[in-house]
Amino acid sequence: MSTNNDELITAFKAKGYRITKQRLIILNALRNTATHPTAEEIYNMVKPQIPNISLGTVYRTLGALEELGLLQKLVYGGSFSRYDGNVNAHYHAVCLDCGKVLDVDEPVLSNLEERFSSETGFTIVGHKLEFHGYCKDCCKRKN
């Protein structure tokens, strides 16, 4: 996903947040990776550009970016979360062994929510579809 700093600046100003170098670098790093890194992995990604950054700053920045709708927080279990810079609707595949999360390159079932809602009267505010299994690397290790 390409990075649009104007989008970040507009969103931050609208909420009264300051625009900082750290926030721009963290969002750019997240949006320029195909992985779904943990906060610690993001910290290691941006540390060369911002040597004095703390892990706490990374966590606070990720929280602010999530609040602004500029990233998705993916929660799998209670141990840690992963972050996705792609906020467009898409599905994920989650490795049950290593925890890797991959984007699924398939169209989103746009009529699924409408169909279910009209059949059941259920008011839907969103949905998630995840595939669970084992990634190529983990399958190779097991063989």
C-alpha atoms as a PDB file:
ATOM      1  CA  MET A   1       0.000   0.000   0.000  1.00  0.00           C
ATOM      2  CA  SER A   2       1.379   3.413  -0.832  1.00  0.00           C
ATOM      3  CA  THR A   3       1.817   5.927   1.894  1.00  0.00           C
ATOM      4  CA  ASN A   4      -0.092   9.177   1.939  1.00  0.00           C
ATOM      5  CA  ASN A   5       1.322  11.538   4.559  1.00  0.00           C
ATOM      6  CA  ASP A   6      -1.393  14.095   3.734  1.00  0.00           C
ATOM      7  CA  GLU A   7      -3.980  11.565   4.965  1.00  0.00           C
ATOM      8  CA  LEU A   8      -2.083  11.181   8.235  1.00  0.00           C
ATOM      9  CA  ILE A   9      -1.622  14.924   8.693  1.00  0.00           C
ATOM     10  CA  THR A  10      -5.316  15.626   8.037  1.00  0.00           C
ATOM     11  CA  ALA A  11      -6.458  12.871  10.407  1.00  0.00           C
ATOM     12  CA  PHE A  12      -4.126  13.989  13.181  1.00  0.00           C
ATOM     13  CA  LYS A  13      -5.074  17.659  12.877  1.00  0.00           C
ATOM     14  CA  ALA A  14      -8.793  16.796  12.928  1.00  0.00           C
ATOM     15  CA  LYS A  15      -8.340  15.006  16.272  1.00  0.00           C
ATOM     16  CA  GLY A  16      -6.008  17.628  17.711  1.00  0.00           C
ATOM     17  CA  TYR A  17      -2.923  15.386  17.664  1.00  0.00           C
ATOM     18  CA  ARG A  18       0.561  16.709  16.936  1.00  0.00           C
ATOM     19  CA  ILE A  19       2.244  15.458  13.793  1.00  0.00           C
ATOM     20  CA  THR A  20       5.635  14.058  14.703  1.00  0.00           C
ATOM     21  CA  LYS A  21       8.514  12.513  12.815  1.00  0.00           C
ATOM     22  CA  GLN A  22       8.025   9.301  14.809  1.00  0.00           C
ATOM     23  CA  ARG A  23       4.370   8.982  13.799  1.00  0.00           C
ATOM     24  CA  LEU A  24       5.149   9.503  10.120  1.00  0.00           C
ATOM     25  CA  ILE A  25       8.027   7.014  10.150  1.00  0.00           C
ATOM     26  CA  ILE A  26       6.055   4.346  12.030  1.00  0.00           C
ATOM     27  CA  LEU A  27       3.063   4.582   9.684  1.00  0.00           C
ATOM     28  CA  ASN A  28       5.299   4.599   6.602  1.00  0.00           C
ATOM     29  CA  ALA A  29       7.190   1.548   7.871  1.00  0.00           C
ATOM     30  CA  LEU A  30       3.950  -0.296   8.529  1.00  0.00           C
ATOM     31  CA  ARG A  31       2.423   0.562   5.182  1.00  0.00           C
ATOM     32  CA  ASN A  32       5.567  -0.374   3.277  1.00  0.00           C
ATOM     33  CA  THR A  33       5.764  -3.927   4.582  1.00  0.00           C
ATOM     34  CA  ALA A  34       3.860  -6.961   3.367  1.00  0.00           C
ATOM     35  CA  THR A  35       4.114  -8.558   6.800  1.00  0.00           C
ATOM     36  CA  HIS A  36       1.878  -7.864   9.755  1.00  0.00           C
ATOM     37  CA  PRO A  37       4.485  -6.990  12.367  1.00  0.00           C
ATOM     38  CA  THR A  38       4.198  -6.872  16.136  1.00  0.00           C
ATOM     39  CA  ALA A  39       4.949  -3.626  17.983  1.00  0.00           C
ATOM     40  CA  GLU A  40       8.400  -5.000  18.819  1.00  0.00           C
ATOM     41  CA  GLU A  41       9.079  -5.765  15.146  1.00  0.00           C
ATOM     42  CA  ILE A  42       7.968  -2.246  14.181  1.00  0.00           C
ATOM     43  CA  TYR A  43      10.261  -0.865  16.887  1.00  0.00           C
ATOM     44  CA  ASN A  44      13.183  -2.785  15.324  1.00  0.00           C
ATOM     45  CA  MET A  45      12.190  -1.567  11.843  1.00  0.00           C
ATOM     46  CA  VAL A  46      12.234   2.135  12.801  1.00  0.00           C
ATOM     47  CA  LYS A  47      15.101   2.088  15.327  1.00  0.00           C
ATOM     48  CA  PRO A  48      17.767   2.730  12.618  1.00  0.00           C
ATOM     49  CA  GLN A  49      15.895   5.888  11.530  1.00  0.00           C
ATOM     50  CA  ILE A  50      15.028   7.029  15.064  1.00  0.00           C
ATOM     51  CA  PRO A  51      17.798   5.720  17.356  1.00  0.00           C
ATOM     52  CA  ASN A  52      16.340   7.289  20.511  1.00  0.00           C
ATOM     53  CA  ILE A  53      12.776   5.949  20.072  1.00  0.00           C
ATOM     54  CA  SER A  54      11.356   3.831  22.891  1.00  0.00           C
ATOM     55  CA  LEU A  55       9.107   0.804  22.631  1.00  0.00           C
ATOM     56  CA  GLY A  56       6.534   2.755  24.653  1.00  0.00           C
ATOM     57  CA  THR A  57       6.472   5.475  21.986  1.00  0.00           C
ATOM     58  CA  VAL A  58       5.847   2.819  19.338  1.00  0.00           C
ATOM     59  CA  TYR A  59       2.922   1.369  21.332  1.00  0.00           C
ATOM     60  CA  ARG A  60       1.397   4.819  21.961  1.00  0.00           C
ATOM     61  CA  THR A  61       1.793   5.764  18.293  1.00  0.00           C
ATOM     62  CA  LEU A  62       0.171   2.520  17.142  1.00  0.00           C
ATOM     63  CA  GLY A  63      -2.748   3.200  19.498  1.00  0.00           C
ATOM     64  CA  ALA A  64      -3.209   6.701  18.095  1.00  0.00           C
ATOM     65  CA  LEU A  65      -2.989   5.456  14.494  1.00  0.00           C
ATOM     66  CA  GLU A  66      -5.568   2.765  15.243  1.00  0.00           C
ATOM     67  CA  GLU A  67      -7.899   5.326  16.854  1.00  0.00           C
ATOM     68  CA  LEU A  68      -7.624   7.450  13.709  1.00  0.00           C
ATOM     69  CA  GLY A  69      -8.455   4.470  11.477  1.00  0.00           C
ATOM     70  CA  LEU A  70      -5.051   4.529   9.781  1.00  0.00           C
ATOM     71  CA  LEU A  71      -4.156   0.943  10.692  1.00  0.00           C
ATOM     72  CA  GLN A  72      -5.782  -2.270  11.846  1.00  0.00           C
ATOM     73  CA  LYS A  73      -4.824  -3.974  15.086  1.00  0.00           C
ATOM     74  CA  LEU A  74      -4.991  -7.743  14.673  1.00  0.00           C
ATOM     75  CA  VAL A  75      -5.430  -9.550  17.984  1.00  0.00           C
ATOM     76  CA  TYR A  76      -4.598 -13.257  18.081  1.00  0.00           C
ATOM     77  CA  GLY A  77      -4.611 -14.709  21.562  1.00  0.00           C
ATOM     78  CA  GLY A  78      -3.576 -12.774  24.618  1.00  0.00           C
ATOM     79  CA  SER A  79       0.175 -12.622  24.123  1.00  0.00           C
ATOM     80  CA  PHE A  80       0.635  -9.981  21.424  1.00  0.00           C
ATOM     81  CA  SER A  81      -1.028  -8.136  18.571  1.00  0.00           C
ATOM     82  CA  ARG A  82       0.013  -7.607  14.984  1.00  0.00           C
ATOM     83  CA  TYR A  83      -0.583  -4.467  12.951  1.00  0.00           C
ATOM     84  CA  ASP A  84      -1.766  -3.996   9.377  1.00  0.00           C
ATOM     85  CA  GLY A  85      -1.255  -0.745   7.491  1.00  0.00           C
ATOM     86  CA  ASN A  86      -3.860  -1.763   4.916  1.00  0.00           C
ATOM     87  CA  VAL A  87      -7.207  -0.516   6.240  1.00  0.00           C
ATOM     88  CA  ASN A  88      -9.139  -1.552   3.131  1.00  0.00           C
ATOM     89  CA  ALA A  89     -11.415  -4.572   3.573  1.00  0.00           C
ATOM     90  CA  HIS A  90      -9.452  -7.779   3.057  1.00  0.00           C
ATOM     91  CA  TYR A  91      -9.032 -11.217   4.560  1.00  0.00           C
ATOM     92  CA  HIS A  92      -6.150 -12.891   6.365  1.00  0.00           C
ATOM     93  CA  ALA A  93      -4.561 -16.324   6.692  1.00  0.00           C
ATOM     94  CA  VAL A  94      -3.032 -17.046  10.102  1.00  0.00           C
ATOM     95  CA  CYS A  95      -0.359 -19.690  10.707  1.00  0.00           C
ATOM     96  CA  LEU A  96      -1.229 -21.711  13.805  1.00  0.00           C
ATOM     97  CA  ASP A  97       2.418 -22.585  14.370  1.00  0.00           C
ATOM     98  CA  CYS A  98       4.500 -19.401  13.978  1.00  0.00           C
ATOM     99  CA  GLY A  99       1.719 -16.773  14.087  1.00  0.00           C
ATOM    100  CA  LYS A 100       2.545 -15.299  10.673  1.00  0.00           C
ATOM    101  CA  VAL A 101      -0.366 -13.397   9.113  1.00  0.00           C
ATOM    102  CA  LEU A 102      -0.759 -13.167   5.340  1.00  0.00           C
ATOM    103  CA  ASP A 103      -3.158 -11.096   3.267  1.00  0.00           C
ATOM    104  CA  VAL A 104      -5.558 -13.191   1.188  1.00  0.00           C
ATOM    105  CA  ASP A 105      -5.700 -11.895  -2.363  1.00  0.00           C
ATOM    106  CA  GLU A 106      -9.381 -12.597  -2.939  1.00  0.00           C
ATOM    107  CA  PRO A 107     -12.278 -10.177  -3.403  1.00  0.00           C
ATOM    108  CA  VAL A 108     -14.253  -9.319  -0.285  1.00  0.00           C
ATOM    109  CA  LEU A 109     -17.749 -10.794  -0.235  1.00  0.00           C
ATOM    110  CA  SER A 110     -19.518  -7.440  -0.326  1.00  0.00           C
ATOM    111  CA  ASN A 111     -23.063  -8.793  -0.452  1.00  0.00           C
ATOM    112  CA  LEU A 112     -22.553 -11.206   2.452  1.00  0.00           C
ATOM    113  CA  GLU A 113     -23.402  -8.627   5.123  1.00  0.00           C
ATOM    114  CA  GLU A 114     -26.476  -7.374   3.262  1.00  0.00           C
ATOM    115  CA  ARG A 115     -27.760 -10.887   2.607  1.00  0.00           C
ATOM    116  CA  PHE A 116     -27.287 -12.046   6.191  1.00  0.00           C
ATOM    117  CA  SER A 117     -28.797  -8.849   7.586  1.00  0.00           C
ATOM    118  CA  SER A 118     -31.894  -9.053   5.390  1.00  0.00           C
ATOM    119  CA  GLU A 119     -32.395 -12.749   6.224  1.00  0.00           C
ATOM    120  CA  THR A 120     -31.979 -12.383   9.985  1.00  0.00           C
ATOM    121  CA  GLY A 121     -32.649  -8.742  10.871  1.00  0.00           C
ATOM    122  CA  PHE A 122     -29.170  -8.643  12.402  1.00  0.00           C
ATOM    123  CA  THR A 123     -27.554  -5.191  12.304  1.00  0.00           C
ATOM    124  CA  ILE A 124     -24.017  -5.761  11.053  1.00  0.00           C
ATOM    125  CA  VAL A 125     -21.231  -3.289  11.742  1.00  0.00           C
ATOM    126  CA  GLY A 126     -18.479  -5.325  10.041  1.00  0.00           C
ATOM    127  CA  HIS A 127     -17.084  -8.806   9.589  1.00  0.00           C
ATOM    128  CA  LYS A 128     -13.782 -10.651   9.572  1.00  0.00           C
ATOM    129  CA  LEU A 129     -12.862 -13.775   7.652  1.00  0.00           C
ATOM    130  CA  GLU A 130      -9.674 -15.576   8.583  1.00  0.00           C
ATOM    131  CA  PHE A 131      -8.180 -18.777   7.307  1.00  0.00           C
ATOM    132  CA  HIS A 132      -6.276 -20.799   9.891  1.00  0.00           C
ATOM    133  CA  GLY A 133      -3.609 -23.330   8.974  1.00  0.00           C
ATOM    134  CA  TYR A 134       0.143 -23.652   8.481  1.00  0.00           C
ATOM    135  CA  CYS A 135       2.395 -21.464   6.338  1.00  0.00           C
ATOM    136  CA  LYS A 136       4.872 -22.876   3.794  1.00  0.00           C
ATOM    137  CA  ASP A 137       7.849 -22.421   6.113  1.00  0.00           C
ATOM    138  CA  CYS A 138       6.208 -24.280   8.997  1.00  0.00           C
ATOM    139  CA  CYS A 139       5.063 -27.086   6.689  1.00  0.00           C
ATOM    140  CA  LYS A 140       8.649 -27.492   5.430  1.00  0.00           C
ATOM    141  CA  ARG A 141       9.988 -27.653   9.001  1.00  0.00           C
ATOM    142  CA  LYS A 142       7.501 -30.370   9.924  1.00  0.00           C
ATOM    143  CA  ASN A 143       8.489 -32.598   6.987  1.00  0.00           C
END
